[in-house]
Amino acid sequence: MDLSRLVTEPLRTDEEFILYRGEYSNLAGKPSVLLLAAASNLPALETLGRLENEYSLRNELDSAWAVRPLALS
C-alpha cells in the first residue's frame, strides 16, 4: 500500500496512539483509509506488541461491522 500520496488528518490522539484518516487527494473515487500510529517516535515494546496482536486478529473480523487492517508496517 502506497501511503506517500495520502493526505492525513488526525482524528484522535492519546498517550499511546494517533488515529488518522487518510485520503488520496489526487485520485477521485479512491476510498479513505484509517491509519493507527504510535504516538511516540520510540514506542514501548508493549505498544508495538498491541499493534501486532490487533493485526493478527484481522481475519476474524467481519467487514460488515469492523474495520479490517490492510497492512502492518
C-alpha atoms as a PDB file:
ATOM      1  CA  MET A   1       0.000   0.000   0.000  1.00  0.00           C
ATOM      2  CA  ASP A   2       1.489   3.309  -1.102  1.00  0.00           C
ATOM      3  CA  LEU A   3       0.933   5.886   1.650  1.00  0.00           C
ATOM      4  CA  SER A   4       3.051   8.611   0.082  1.00  0.00           C
ATOM      5  CA  ARG A   5       0.067  10.206  -1.702  1.00  0.00           C
ATOM      6  CA  LEU A   6      -2.231  10.245   1.315  1.00  0.00           C
ATOM      7  CA  VAL A   7      -3.360  13.484   2.893  1.00  0.00           C
ATOM      8  CA  THR A   8      -3.849  12.693   6.583  1.00  0.00           C
ATOM      9  CA  GLU A   9      -5.975  14.293   9.275  1.00  0.00           C
ATOM     10  CA  PRO A  10      -5.666  13.296  12.959  1.00  0.00           C
ATOM     11  CA  LEU A  11      -8.988  12.100  14.385  1.00  0.00           C
ATOM     12  CA  ARG A  12      -7.985  11.015  17.896  1.00  0.00           C
ATOM     13  CA  THR A  13      -4.832  11.202  19.982  1.00  0.00           C
ATOM     14  CA  ASP A  14      -3.924   9.660  23.317  1.00  0.00           C
ATOM     15  CA  GLU A  15      -0.625   8.935  25.039  1.00  0.00           C
ATOM     16  CA  GLU A  16      -0.143   5.678  23.107  1.00  0.00           C
ATOM     17  CA  PHE A  17      -1.687   6.081  19.624  1.00  0.00           C
ATOM     18  CA  ILE A  18      -2.809   8.563  16.985  1.00  0.00           C
ATOM     19  CA  LEU A  19      -5.694   7.646  14.686  1.00  0.00           C
ATOM     20  CA  TYR A  20      -5.611   9.351  11.283  1.00  0.00           C
ATOM     21  CA  ARG A  21      -7.964   9.478   8.326  1.00  0.00           C
ATOM     22  CA  GLY A  22      -6.058   9.318   5.054  1.00  0.00           C
ATOM     23  CA  GLU A  23      -7.459  10.365   1.695  1.00  0.00           C
ATOM     24  CA  TYR A  24      -5.935  10.307  -1.765  1.00  0.00           C
ATOM     25  CA  SER A  25      -6.360  13.934  -2.808  1.00  0.00           C
ATOM     26  CA  ASN A  26      -5.452  13.364  -6.459  1.00  0.00           C
ATOM     27  CA  LEU A  27      -7.359  10.114  -7.066  1.00  0.00           C
ATOM     28  CA  ALA A  28     -11.114  10.606  -7.287  1.00  0.00           C
ATOM     29  CA  GLY A  29     -13.217   7.675  -6.138  1.00  0.00           C
ATOM     30  CA  LYS A  30     -10.451   6.102  -4.061  1.00  0.00           C
ATOM     31  CA  PRO A  31     -11.763   5.195  -0.585  1.00  0.00           C
ATOM     32  CA  SER A  32     -10.353   6.840   2.511  1.00  0.00           C
ATOM     33  CA  VAL A  33      -8.335   4.757   4.988  1.00  0.00           C
ATOM     34  CA  LEU A  34      -7.747   4.819   8.728  1.00  0.00           C
ATOM     35  CA  LEU A  35      -4.168   4.756   9.986  1.00  0.00           C
ATOM     36  CA  LEU A  36      -3.236   3.889  13.551  1.00  0.00           C
ATOM     37  CA  ALA A  37       0.251   5.026  14.519  1.00  0.00           C
ATOM     38  CA  ALA A  38       2.252   5.024  17.716  1.00  0.00           C
ATOM     39  CA  ALA A  39       2.237   8.497  19.269  1.00  0.00           C
ATOM     40  CA  SER A  40       5.914   8.240  20.195  1.00  0.00           C
ATOM     41  CA  ASN A  41       8.889   8.073  17.837  1.00  0.00           C
ATOM     42  CA  LEU A  42      10.262   5.372  20.143  1.00  0.00           C
ATOM     43  CA  PRO A  43       7.180   3.403  21.251  1.00  0.00           C
ATOM     44  CA  ALA A  44       7.317   0.943  24.121  1.00  0.00           C
ATOM     45  CA  LEU A  45       7.564  -2.740  23.238  1.00  0.00           C
ATOM     46  CA  GLU A  46       4.094  -3.197  24.748  1.00  0.00           C
ATOM     47  CA  THR A  47       2.677  -0.666  22.279  1.00  0.00           C
ATOM     48  CA  LEU A  48       4.228  -2.477  19.326  1.00  0.00           C
ATOM     49  CA  GLY A  49       3.006  -5.790  20.708  1.00  0.00           C
ATOM     50  CA  ARG A  50      -0.513  -4.429  20.968  1.00  0.00           C
ATOM     51  CA  LEU A  51      -0.453  -3.352  17.305  1.00  0.00           C
ATOM     52  CA  GLU A  52       0.865  -6.768  16.262  1.00  0.00           C
ATOM     53  CA  ASN A  53      -1.815  -8.540  18.298  1.00  0.00           C
ATOM     54  CA  GLU A  54      -4.617  -6.417  16.828  1.00  0.00           C
ATOM     55  CA  TYR A  55      -3.280  -7.040  13.316  1.00  0.00           C
ATOM     56  CA  SER A  56      -3.108 -10.789  13.934  1.00  0.00           C
ATOM     57  CA  LEU A  57      -6.895 -10.826  14.536  1.00  0.00           C
ATOM     58  CA  ARG A  58      -7.697  -9.265  11.129  1.00  0.00           C
ATOM     59  CA  ASN A  59      -9.060 -12.478   9.580  1.00  0.00           C
ATOM     60  CA  GLU A  60     -11.512 -12.954  12.431  1.00  0.00           C
ATOM     61  CA  LEU A  61     -13.171  -9.559  11.919  1.00  0.00           C
ATOM     62  CA  ASP A  62     -16.364  -9.292   9.895  1.00  0.00           C
ATOM     63  CA  SER A  63     -16.010  -6.375   7.476  1.00  0.00           C
ATOM     64  CA  ALA A  64     -19.768  -5.758   7.746  1.00  0.00           C
ATOM     65  CA  TRP A  65     -19.236  -4.244  11.201  1.00  0.00           C
ATOM     66  CA  ALA A  66     -15.481  -3.858  11.722  1.00  0.00           C
ATOM     67  CA  VAL A  67     -12.637  -2.003  10.094  1.00  0.00           C
ATOM     68  CA  ARG A  68     -10.192  -4.668   8.933  1.00  0.00           C
ATOM     69  CA  PRO A  69      -6.462  -3.919   8.879  1.00  0.00           C
ATOM     70  CA  LEU A  70      -4.814  -3.929   5.474  1.00  0.00           C
ATOM     71  CA  ALA A  71      -1.162  -3.819   6.463  1.00  0.00           C
ATOM     72  CA  LEU A  72       1.265  -3.513   9.358  1.00  0.00           C
ATOM     73  CA  SER A  73       4.425  -1.583   8.773  1.00  0.00           C
END
